[in-house]
Amino acid sequence: MTKSRDEYRELGGRGEEMAEQLSYEIDFLSRWLPSKLGEDETAKIVDATIDELGLSGDPGAAGRVIGAIMKSRGNDLDGAVVNRLVRERLG
């Protein structure tokens, strides 16, 4: 929803009303959604998992690392952030 809100804001005046509605909905619904860990905490988990699996420097192993992380901590993490951090660290 945040992506949609940002896209409406980019439209300027035409999309501002819809962006405001989406902002309200995001704020309202976020009360019941579990909070995700921040990027720093996620980076620590990514680094630890890469070390545990011994896959440092192997870009082809990104799927294995992401799978292991999401299987163990998926509810706490933003998958897009995990994906980006794993790919950055593996090269």
Protein backbone atom coordinates (compact mmCIF):
# COMPACT_ATOMS: atom_id res chain seq x y z
CA MET A 1 0.00 0.00 0.00
CA THR A 2 2.86 2.38 0.70
CA LYS A 3 4.14 1.91 -2.83
CA SER A 4 0.71 2.82 -4.22
CA ARG A 5 0.51 5.84 -1.95
CA ASP A 6 3.91 7.05 -3.16
CA GLU A 7 2.88 6.58 -6.78
CA TYR A 8 -0.28 8.64 -6.22
CA ARG A 9 1.78 11.39 -4.61
CA GLU A 10 4.03 11.49 -7.67
CA LEU A 11 0.97 12.34 -9.76
CA GLY A 12 0.66 15.63 -7.92
CA GLY A 13 -2.76 17.20 -7.49
CA ARG A 14 -4.57 14.46 -9.40
CA GLY A 15 -3.48 11.73 -7.00
CA GLU A 16 -3.21 13.63 -3.73
CA GLU A 17 -6.71 12.76 -2.51
CA MET A 18 -6.15 9.06 -3.09
CA ALA A 19 -2.69 9.28 -1.47
CA GLU A 20 -4.25 10.81 1.65
CA GLN A 21 -6.87 8.04 1.78
CA LEU A 22 -4.17 5.38 1.49
CA SER A 23 -2.11 7.09 4.22
CA TYR A 24 -5.11 6.91 6.53
CA GLU A 25 -5.67 3.23 5.72
CA ILE A 26 -1.99 2.40 6.25
CA ASP A 27 -1.96 4.14 9.63
CA PHE A 28 -5.20 2.48 10.67
CA LEU A 29 -4.22 -1.05 9.62
CA SER A 30 -0.66 -0.87 10.92
CA ARG A 31 -2.00 -1.06 14.47
CA TRP A 32 -2.75 -4.74 13.98
CA LEU A 33 0.16 -5.73 11.78
CA PRO A 34 3.24 -7.21 13.41
CA SER A 35 6.20 -4.87 13.30
CA LYS A 36 9.17 -5.81 11.16
CA LEU A 37 12.79 -5.60 12.25
CA GLY A 38 14.78 -2.65 10.97
CA GLU A 39 17.53 -2.80 8.40
CA ASP A 40 20.35 -2.92 10.98
CA GLU A 41 18.85 -5.90 12.79
CA THR A 42 18.10 -7.60 9.48
CA ALA A 43 21.69 -7.06 8.33
CA LYS A 44 22.98 -8.81 11.47
CA ILE A 45 20.74 -11.80 10.77
CA VAL A 46 21.87 -11.89 7.12
CA ASP A 47 25.55 -11.77 8.09
CA ALA A 48 25.11 -14.48 10.73
CA THR A 49 23.26 -16.76 8.31
CA ILE A 50 25.87 -16.34 5.58
CA ASP A 51 28.58 -17.22 8.12
CA GLU A 52 26.62 -20.21 9.47
CA LEU A 53 26.09 -21.61 5.98
CA GLY A 54 29.66 -20.82 4.90
CA LEU A 55 28.49 -19.22 1.67
CA SER A 56 30.40 -15.94 1.76
CA GLY A 57 31.30 -14.61 -1.70
CA ASP A 58 29.03 -17.01 -3.61
CA PRO A 59 26.37 -14.98 -5.47
CA GLY A 60 24.75 -18.18 -6.70
CA ALA A 61 23.86 -19.11 -3.13
CA ALA A 62 21.54 -16.13 -2.59
CA GLY A 63 18.44 -18.31 -2.82
CA ARG A 64 19.71 -20.71 -0.16
CA VAL A 65 20.56 -17.88 2.22
CA ILE A 66 17.26 -16.06 1.67
CA GLY A 67 15.34 -19.32 2.08
CA ALA A 68 17.08 -20.15 5.35
CA ILE A 69 16.47 -16.67 6.74
CA MET A 70 12.83 -16.48 5.72
CA LYS A 71 12.14 -19.98 7.03
CA SER A 72 13.48 -19.16 10.46
CA ARG A 73 12.56 -15.46 10.83
CA GLY A 74 10.22 -14.65 7.94
CA ASN A 75 7.45 -13.18 10.07
CA ASP A 76 9.83 -10.65 11.61
CA LEU A 77 11.54 -9.50 8.42
CA ASP A 78 10.75 -7.60 5.25
CA GLY A 79 11.52 -10.00 2.41
CA ALA A 80 12.58 -7.22 0.04
CA VAL A 81 15.15 -5.95 2.54
CA VAL A 82 16.47 -9.48 3.12
CA ASN A 83 16.77 -10.04 -0.62
CA ARG A 84 18.66 -6.79 -1.18
CA LEU A 85 21.04 -7.29 1.75
CA VAL A 86 21.85 -10.90 0.82
CA ARG A 87 22.60 -9.96 -2.78
CA GLU A 88 24.77 -7.02 -1.69
CA ARG A 89 26.78 -9.18 0.68
CA LEU A 90 27.24 -12.14 -1.64
CA GLY A 91 28.30 -9.95 -4.53
